[in-house]
């Protein structure tokens, strides 16, 4: 039903878009709810959940501190 949600933080993506964040949120809500597309009477709750998850995802990614990996230096010998 649901493909894997990809990692959205650097260095796994070069440029993160709002579409990427929304797609991940949609995949999450689909998986949790068991609905690919909700019935009309569930659409409002479904859409609200996608919006909430997208906002939480953006907040998380904006708050992460990604430390640069140190390059391995060859030893002088």
PDB file of N, CA and C in Angstrom:
ATOM      1  N   UNK A   1       0.818  -1.195   0.000  1.00  0.00           N
ATOM      2  CA  UNK A   1       0.000   0.000   0.000  1.00  0.00           C
ATOM      3  C   UNK A   1       0.858   1.252   0.000  1.00  0.00           C
ATOM      4  N   UNK A   2       1.970   1.220   0.648  1.00  0.00           N
ATOM      5  CA  UNK A   2       2.733   2.442   0.866  1.00  0.00           C
ATOM      6  C   UNK A   2       4.197   2.172   0.560  1.00  0.00           C
ATOM      7  N   UNK A   3       4.793   2.995  -0.235  1.00  0.00           N
ATOM      8  CA  UNK A   3       6.226   2.847  -0.482  1.00  0.00           C
ATOM      9  C   UNK A   3       6.981   3.418   0.703  1.00  0.00           C
ATOM     10  N   UNK A   4       8.234   3.158   0.759  1.00  0.00           N
ATOM     11  CA  UNK A   4       9.036   3.638   1.878  1.00  0.00           C
ATOM     12  C   UNK A   4       9.123   5.158   1.870  1.00  0.00           C
ATOM     13  N   UNK A   5       9.122   5.715   3.055  1.00  0.00           N
ATOM     14  CA  UNK A   5       9.323   7.153   3.199  1.00  0.00           C
ATOM     15  C   UNK A   5      10.829   7.388   3.169  1.00  0.00           C
ATOM     16  N   UNK A   6      11.276   8.278   2.305  1.00  0.00           N
ATOM     17  CA  UNK A   6      12.712   8.506   2.179  1.00  0.00           C
ATOM     18  C   UNK A   6      13.211   9.466   3.260  1.00  0.00           C
ATOM     19  N   UNK A   7      14.487   9.363   3.547  1.00  0.00           N
ATOM     20  CA  UNK A   7      15.126  10.276   4.492  1.00  0.00           C
ATOM     21  C   UNK A   7      15.159  11.665   3.875  1.00  0.00           C
ATOM     22  N   UNK A   8      14.777  12.668   4.649  1.00  0.00           N
ATOM     23  CA  UNK A   8      14.644  14.023   4.118  1.00  0.00           C
ATOM     24  C   UNK A   8      15.735  14.986   4.564  1.00  0.00           C
ATOM     25  N   UNK A   9      16.640  14.539   5.400  1.00  0.00           N
ATOM     26  CA  UNK A   9      17.661  15.473   5.886  1.00  0.00           C
ATOM     27  C   UNK A   9      18.944  15.338   5.067  1.00  0.00           C
ATOM     28  N   UNK A  10      19.725  16.396   5.144  1.00  0.00           N
ATOM     29  CA  UNK A  10      21.047  16.368   4.517  1.00  0.00           C
ATOM     30  C   UNK A  10      21.899  15.339   5.250  1.00  0.00           C
ATOM     31  N   UNK A  11      22.760  14.646   4.642  1.00  0.00           N
ATOM     32  CA  UNK A  11      23.208  14.741   3.252  1.00  0.00           C
ATOM     33  C   UNK A  11      22.433  13.837   2.302  1.00  0.00           C
ATOM     34  N   UNK A  12      21.309  13.292   2.734  1.00  0.00           N
ATOM     35  CA  UNK A  12      20.555  12.362   1.898  1.00  0.00           C
ATOM     36  C   UNK A  12      19.783  13.049   0.788  1.00  0.00           C
ATOM     37  N   UNK A  13      19.461  14.313   0.962  1.00  0.00           N
ATOM     38  CA  UNK A  13      18.823  15.095  -0.097  1.00  0.00           C
ATOM     39  C   UNK A  13      19.593  16.402  -0.256  1.00  0.00           C
ATOM     40  N   UNK A  14      19.745  16.825  -1.489  1.00  0.00           N
ATOM     41  CA  UNK A  14      20.470  18.073  -1.753  1.00  0.00           C
ATOM     42  C   UNK A  14      19.602  19.289  -1.489  1.00  0.00           C
ATOM     43  N   UNK A  15      18.353  19.210  -1.932  1.00  0.00           N
ATOM     44  CA  UNK A  15      17.441  20.340  -1.762  1.00  0.00           C
ATOM     45  C   UNK A  15      16.075  19.807  -1.358  1.00  0.00           C
ATOM     46  N   UNK A  16      15.651  20.150  -0.164  1.00  0.00           N
ATOM     47  CA  UNK A  16      14.369  19.689   0.354  1.00  0.00           C
ATOM     48  C   UNK A  16      13.274  20.655  -0.065  1.00  0.00           C
ATOM     49  N   UNK A  17      12.199  20.115  -0.625  1.00  0.00           N
ATOM     50  CA  UNK A  17      11.071  20.950  -1.037  1.00  0.00           C
ATOM     51  C   UNK A  17       9.869  20.670  -0.131  1.00  0.00           C
ATOM     52  N   UNK A  18       8.926  21.584  -0.144  1.00  0.00           N
ATOM     53  CA  UNK A  18       7.688  21.375   0.598  1.00  0.00           C
ATOM     54  C   UNK A  18       6.923  20.175   0.032  1.00  0.00           C
ATOM     55  N   UNK A  19       7.060  19.932  -1.258  1.00  0.00           N
ATOM     56  CA  UNK A  19       6.427  18.751  -1.860  1.00  0.00           C
ATOM     57  C   UNK A  19       6.998  17.467  -1.269  1.00  0.00           C
ATOM     58  N   UNK A  20       8.317  17.444  -1.009  1.00  0.00           N
ATOM     59  CA  UNK A  20       8.946  16.274  -0.388  1.00  0.00           C
ATOM     60  C   UNK A  20       8.388  16.041   1.015  1.00  0.00           C
ATOM     61  N   UNK A  21       8.268  17.121   1.781  1.00  0.00           N
ATOM     62  CA  UNK A  21       7.757  17.030   3.149  1.00  0.00           C
ATOM     63  C   UNK A  21       6.303  16.566   3.133  1.00  0.00           C
ATOM     64  N   UNK A  22       5.513  17.135   2.262  1.00  0.00           N
ATOM     65  CA  UNK A  22       4.087  16.772   2.164  1.00  0.00           C
ATOM     66  C   UNK A  22       3.923  15.326   1.707  1.00  0.00           C
ATOM     67  N   UNK A  23       4.735  14.880   0.757  1.00  0.00           N
ATOM     68  CA  UNK A  23       4.651  13.496   0.277  1.00  0.00           C
ATOM     69  C   UNK A  23       4.966  12.512   1.396  1.00  0.00           C
ATOM     70  N   UNK A  24       5.966  12.821   2.207  1.00  0.00           N
ATOM     71  CA  UNK A  24       6.311  11.945   3.333  1.00  0.00           C
ATOM     72  C   UNK A  24       5.169  11.919   4.350  1.00  0.00           C
ATOM     73  N   UNK A  25       4.591  13.080   4.631  1.00  0.00           N
ATOM     74  CA  UNK A  25       3.471  13.154   5.575  1.00  0.00           C
ATOM     75  C   UNK A  25       2.272  12.366   5.051  1.00  0.00           C
ATOM     76  N   UNK A  26       2.003  12.478   3.774  1.00  0.00           N
ATOM     77  CA  UNK A  26       0.894  11.749   3.166  1.00  0.00           C
ATOM     78  C   UNK A  26       1.120  10.241   3.258  1.00  0.00           C
ATOM     79  N   UNK A  27       2.333   9.789   2.982  1.00  0.00           N
ATOM     80  CA  UNK A  27       2.640   8.364   3.070  1.00  0.00           C
ATOM     81  C   UNK A  27       2.456   7.857   4.502  1.00  0.00           C
ATOM     82  N   UNK A  28       2.888   8.656   5.462  1.00  0.00           N
ATOM     83  CA  UNK A  28       2.744   8.278   6.868  1.00  0.00           C
ATOM     84  C   UNK A  28       1.262   8.137   7.243  1.00  0.00           C
ATOM     85  N   UNK A  29       0.464   9.129   6.892  1.00  0.00           N
ATOM     86  CA  UNK A  29      -0.960   9.108   7.239  1.00  0.00           C
ATOM     87  C   UNK A  29      -1.668   7.951   6.521  1.00  0.00           C
ATOM     88  N   UNK A  30      -1.305   7.700   5.286  1.00  0.00           N
ATOM     89  CA  UNK A  30      -1.882   6.557   4.566  1.00  0.00           C
ATOM     90  C   UNK A  30      -1.571   5.250   5.289  1.00  0.00           C
ATOM     91  N   UNK A  31      -0.336   5.093   5.699  1.00  0.00           N
ATOM     92  CA  UNK A  31       0.070   3.857   6.363  1.00  0.00           C
ATOM     93  C   UNK A  31      -0.660   3.692   7.690  1.00  0.00           C
ATOM     94  N   UNK A  32      -0.674   4.728   8.498  1.00  0.00           N
ATOM     95  CA  UNK A  32      -1.285   4.656   9.825  1.00  0.00           C
ATOM     96  C   UNK A  32      -2.801   4.474   9.738  1.00  0.00           C
ATOM     97  N   UNK A  33      -3.440   5.181   8.818  1.00  0.00           N
ATOM     98  CA  UNK A  33      -4.899   5.118   8.721  1.00  0.00           C
ATOM     99  C   UNK A  33      -5.392   3.880   7.975  1.00  0.00           C
ATOM    100  N   UNK A  34      -4.547   3.339   7.117  1.00  0.00           N
ATOM    101  CA  UNK A  34      -4.973   2.219   6.297  1.00  0.00           C
ATOM    102  C   UNK A  34      -5.777   2.639   5.073  1.00  0.00           C
ATOM    103  N   UNK A  35      -5.859   3.936   4.822  1.00  0.00           N
ATOM    104  CA  UNK A  35      -6.579   4.465   3.668  1.00  0.00           C
ATOM    105  C   UNK A  35      -5.605   5.058   2.665  1.00  0.00           C
ATOM    106  N   UNK A  36      -5.730   4.650   1.421  1.00  0.00           N
ATOM    107  CA  UNK A  36      -4.961   5.331   0.364  1.00  0.00           C
ATOM    108  C   UNK A  36      -5.619   6.669   0.058  1.00  0.00           C
ATOM    109  N   UNK A  37      -6.925   6.635  -0.017  1.00  0.00           N
ATOM    110  CA  UNK A  37      -7.725   7.830  -0.244  1.00  0.00           C
ATOM    111  C   UNK A  37      -8.953   7.700   0.650  1.00  0.00           C
ATOM    112  N   UNK A  38      -9.148   8.610   1.593  1.00  0.00           N
ATOM    113  CA  UNK A  38     -10.259   8.454   2.535  1.00  0.00           C
ATOM    114  C   UNK A  38     -11.604   8.752   1.893  1.00  0.00           C
ATOM    115  N   UNK A  39     -12.637   8.182   2.477  1.00  0.00           N
ATOM    116  CA  UNK A  39     -14.000   8.510   2.072  1.00  0.00           C
ATOM    117  C   UNK A  39     -14.269   9.973   2.408  1.00  0.00           C
ATOM    118  N   UNK A  40     -15.246  10.537   1.772  1.00  0.00           N
ATOM    119  CA  UNK A  40     -15.551  11.954   1.957  1.00  0.00           C
ATOM    120  C   UNK A  40     -15.754  12.314   3.423  1.00  0.00           C
ATOM    121  N   UNK A  41     -16.413  11.436   4.180  1.00  0.00           N
ATOM    122  CA  UNK A  41     -16.679  11.748   5.588  1.00  0.00           C
ATOM    123  C   UNK A  41     -15.403  11.686   6.444  1.00  0.00           C
ATOM    124  N   UNK A  42     -14.302  11.143   5.923  1.00  0.00           N
ATOM    125  CA  UNK A  42     -13.026  11.118   6.649  1.00  0.00           C
ATOM    126  C   UNK A  42     -11.993  12.074   6.064  1.00  0.00           C
ATOM    127  N   UNK A  43     -12.313  12.723   4.967  1.00  0.00           N
ATOM    128  CA  UNK A  43     -11.333  13.547   4.252  1.00  0.00           C
ATOM    129  C   UNK A  43     -10.789  14.692   5.109  1.00  0.00           C
ATOM    130  N   UNK A  44     -11.634  15.343   5.873  1.00  0.00           N
ATOM    131  CA  UNK A  44     -11.175  16.473   6.682  1.00  0.00           C
ATOM    132  C   UNK A  44     -10.157  16.025   7.727  1.00  0.00           C
ATOM    133  N   UNK A  45     -10.446  14.951   8.426  1.00  0.00           N
ATOM    134  CA  UNK A  45      -9.516  14.436   9.437  1.00  0.00           C
ATOM    135  C   UNK A  45      -8.217  13.971   8.786  1.00  0.00           C
ATOM    136  N   UNK A  46      -8.322  13.320   7.645  1.00  0.00           N
ATOM    137  CA  UNK A  46      -7.165  12.823   6.906  1.00  0.00           C
ATOM    138  C   UNK A  46      -6.271  13.995   6.478  1.00  0.00           C
ATOM    139  N   UNK A  47      -6.865  15.003   5.856  1.00  0.00           N
ATOM    140  CA  UNK A  47      -6.108  16.169   5.385  1.00  0.00           C
ATOM    141  C   UNK A  47      -5.496  16.948   6.539  1.00  0.00           C
ATOM    142  N   UNK A  48      -6.225  17.064   7.626  1.00  0.00           N
ATOM    143  CA  UNK A  48      -5.712  17.762   8.801  1.00  0.00           C
ATOM    144  C   UNK A  48      -4.489  17.021   9.362  1.00  0.00           C
ATOM    145  N   UNK A  49      -4.560  15.693   9.370  1.00  0.00           N
ATOM    146  CA  UNK A  49      -3.426  14.893   9.849  1.00  0.00           C
ATOM    147  C   UNK A  49      -2.208  15.078   8.948  1.00  0.00           C
ATOM    148  N   UNK A  50      -2.420  15.089   7.649  1.00  0.00           N
ATOM    149  CA  UNK A  50      -1.299  15.314   6.716  1.00  0.00           C
ATOM    150  C   UNK A  50      -0.671  16.675   6.987  1.00  0.00           C
ATOM    151  N   UNK A  51      -1.479  17.703   7.158  1.00  0.00           N
ATOM    152  CA  UNK A  51      -0.955  19.042   7.449  1.00  0.00           C
ATOM    153  C   UNK A  51      -0.164  19.060   8.753  1.00  0.00           C
ATOM    154  N   UNK A  52      -0.692  18.404   9.774  1.00  0.00           N
ATOM    155  CA  UNK A  52      -0.025  18.374  11.086  1.00  0.00           C
ATOM    156  C   UNK A  52       1.312  17.644  11.007  1.00  0.00           C
ATOM    157  N   UNK A  53       1.326  16.512  10.326  1.00  0.00           N
ATOM    158  CA  UNK A  53       2.565  15.741  10.187  1.00  0.00           C
ATOM    159  C   UNK A  53       3.579  16.504   9.352  1.00  0.00           C
ATOM    160  N   UNK A  54       3.143  17.171   8.301  1.00  0.00           N
ATOM    161  CA  UNK A  54       4.056  17.963   7.477  1.00  0.00           C
ATOM    162  C   UNK A  54       4.689  19.083   8.291  1.00  0.00           C
ATOM    163  N   UNK A  55       3.886  19.757   9.105  1.00  0.00           N
ATOM    164  CA  UNK A  55       4.412  20.829   9.959  1.00  0.00           C
ATOM    165  C   UNK A  55       5.411  20.274  10.980  1.00  0.00           C
ATOM    166  N   UNK A  56       5.069  19.154  11.598  1.00  0.00           N
ATOM    167  CA  UNK A  56       5.976  18.537  12.574  1.00  0.00           C
ATOM    168  C   UNK A  56       7.272  18.082  11.904  1.00  0.00           C
ATOM    169  N   UNK A  57       7.169  17.572  10.690  1.00  0.00           N
ATOM    170  CA  UNK A  57       8.353  17.144   9.954  1.00  0.00           C
ATOM    171  C   UNK A  57       9.253  18.322   9.652  1.00  0.00           C
ATOM    172  N   UNK A  58       8.672  19.404   9.182  1.00  0.00           N
ATOM    173  CA  UNK A  58       9.462  20.612   8.887  1.00  0.00           C
ATOM    174  C   UNK A  58      10.098  21.147  10.166  1.00  0.00           C
ATOM    175  N   UNK A  59       9.366  21.179  11.281  1.00  0.00           N
ATOM    176  CA  UNK A  59       9.914  21.636  12.554  1.00  0.00           C
ATOM    177  C   UNK A  59      11.091  20.760  12.979  1.00  0.00           C
ATOM    178  N   UNK A  60      10.937  19.461  12.829  1.00  0.00           N
ATOM    179  CA  UNK A  60      12.020  18.543  13.182  1.00  0.00           C
ATOM    180  C   UNK A  60      13.251  18.803  12.329  1.00  0.00           C
ATOM    181  N   UNK A  61      13.065  18.840  11.031  1.00  0.00           N
ATOM    182  CA  UNK A  61      14.211  19.028  10.138  1.00  0.00           C
ATOM    183  C   UNK A  61      14.878  20.381  10.340  1.00  0.00           C
ATOM    184  N   UNK A  62      14.085  21.414  10.597  1.00  0.00           N
ATOM    185  CA  UNK A  62      14.648  22.744  10.853  1.00  0.00           C
ATOM    186  C   UNK A  62      15.413  22.801  12.169  1.00  0.00           C
ATOM    187  N   UNK A  63      15.056  21.939  13.121  1.00  0.00           N
ATOM    188  CA  UNK A  63      15.695  21.952  14.428  1.00  0.00           C
ATOM    189  C   UNK A  63      16.906  21.047  14.558  1.00  0.00           C
ATOM    190  N   UNK A  64      17.133  20.187  13.586  1.00  0.00           N
ATOM    191  CA  UNK A  64      18.269  19.273  13.665  1.00  0.00           C
ATOM    192  C   UNK A  64      19.581  19.994  13.397  1.00  0.00           C
ATOM    193  N   UNK A  65      20.589  19.638  14.146  1.00  0.00           N
ATOM    194  CA  UNK A  65      21.933  20.143  13.905  1.00  0.00           C
ATOM    195  C   UNK A  65      22.726  18.993  13.302  1.00  0.00           C
ATOM    196  N   UNK A  66      23.086  19.144  12.053  1.00  0.00           N
ATOM    197  CA  UNK A  66      23.838  18.109  11.358  1.00  0.00           C
ATOM    198  C   UNK A  66      25.300  18.519  11.366  1.00  0.00           C
ATOM    199  N   UNK A  67      26.087  17.762  12.064  1.00  0.00           N
ATOM    200  CA  UNK A  67      27.517  18.070  12.144  1.00  0.00           C
ATOM    201  C   UNK A  67      28.226  17.453  10.954  1.00  0.00           C
ATOM    202  N   UNK A  68      29.118  18.208  10.392  1.00  0.00           N
ATOM    203  CA  UNK A  68      29.878  17.722   9.234  1.00  0.00           C
ATOM    204  C   UNK A  68      30.749  16.558   9.655  1.00  0.00           C
ATOM    205  N   UNK A  69      30.813  15.577   8.799  1.00  0.00           N
ATOM    206  CA  UNK A  69      31.689  14.450   9.076  1.00  0.00           C
ATOM    207  C   UNK A  69      33.112  14.873   8.769  1.00  0.00           C
ATOM    208  N   UNK A  70      34.001  14.462   9.634  1.00  0.00           N
ATOM    209  CA  UNK A  70      35.404  14.803   9.416  1.00  0.00           C
ATOM    210  C   UNK A  70      35.969  13.938   8.302  1.00  0.00           C
ATOM    211  N   UNK A  71      36.686  14.585   7.412  1.00  0.00           N
ATOM    212  CA  UNK A  71      37.332  13.831   6.336  1.00  0.00           C
ATOM    213  C   UNK A  71      38.507  13.067   6.917  1.00  0.00           C
ATOM    214  N   UNK A  72      38.697  11.880   6.456  1.00  0.00           N
ATOM    215  CA  UNK A  72      39.813  11.076   6.910  1.00  0.00           C
ATOM    216  C   UNK A  72      41.081  11.596   6.256  1.00  0.00           C
ATOM    217  N   UNK A  73      42.025  11.985   7.068  1.00  0.00           N
ATOM    218  CA  UNK A  73      43.290  12.510   6.573  1.00  0.00           C
ATOM    219  C   UNK A  73      44.324  11.407   6.543  1.00  0.00           C
ATOM    220  N   UNK A  74      45.026  11.242   5.429  1.00  0.00           N
ATOM    221  CA  UNK A  74      46.093  10.238   5.407  1.00  0.00           C
ATOM    222  C   UNK A  74      47.220  10.650   6.339  1.00  0.00           C
ATOM    223  N   UNK A  75      47.793   9.674   6.987  1.00  0.00           N
ATOM    224  CA  UNK A  75      48.912   9.962   7.882  1.00  0.00           C
ATOM    225  C   UNK A  75      50.201  10.178   7.092  1.00  0.00           C
ATOM    226  N   UNK A  76      50.938  11.165   7.534  1.00  0.00           N
ATOM    227  CA  UNK A  76      52.259  11.382   6.931  1.00  0.00           C
ATOM    228  C   UNK A  76      53.199  10.346   7.518  1.00  0.00           C
ATOM    229  N   UNK A  77      53.957   9.719   6.725  1.00  0.00           N
ATOM    230  CA  UNK A  77      54.757   8.654   7.294  1.00  0.00           C
ATOM    231  C   UNK A  77      56.046   8.570   6.766  1.00  0.00           C
TER     232      UNK A  77
END
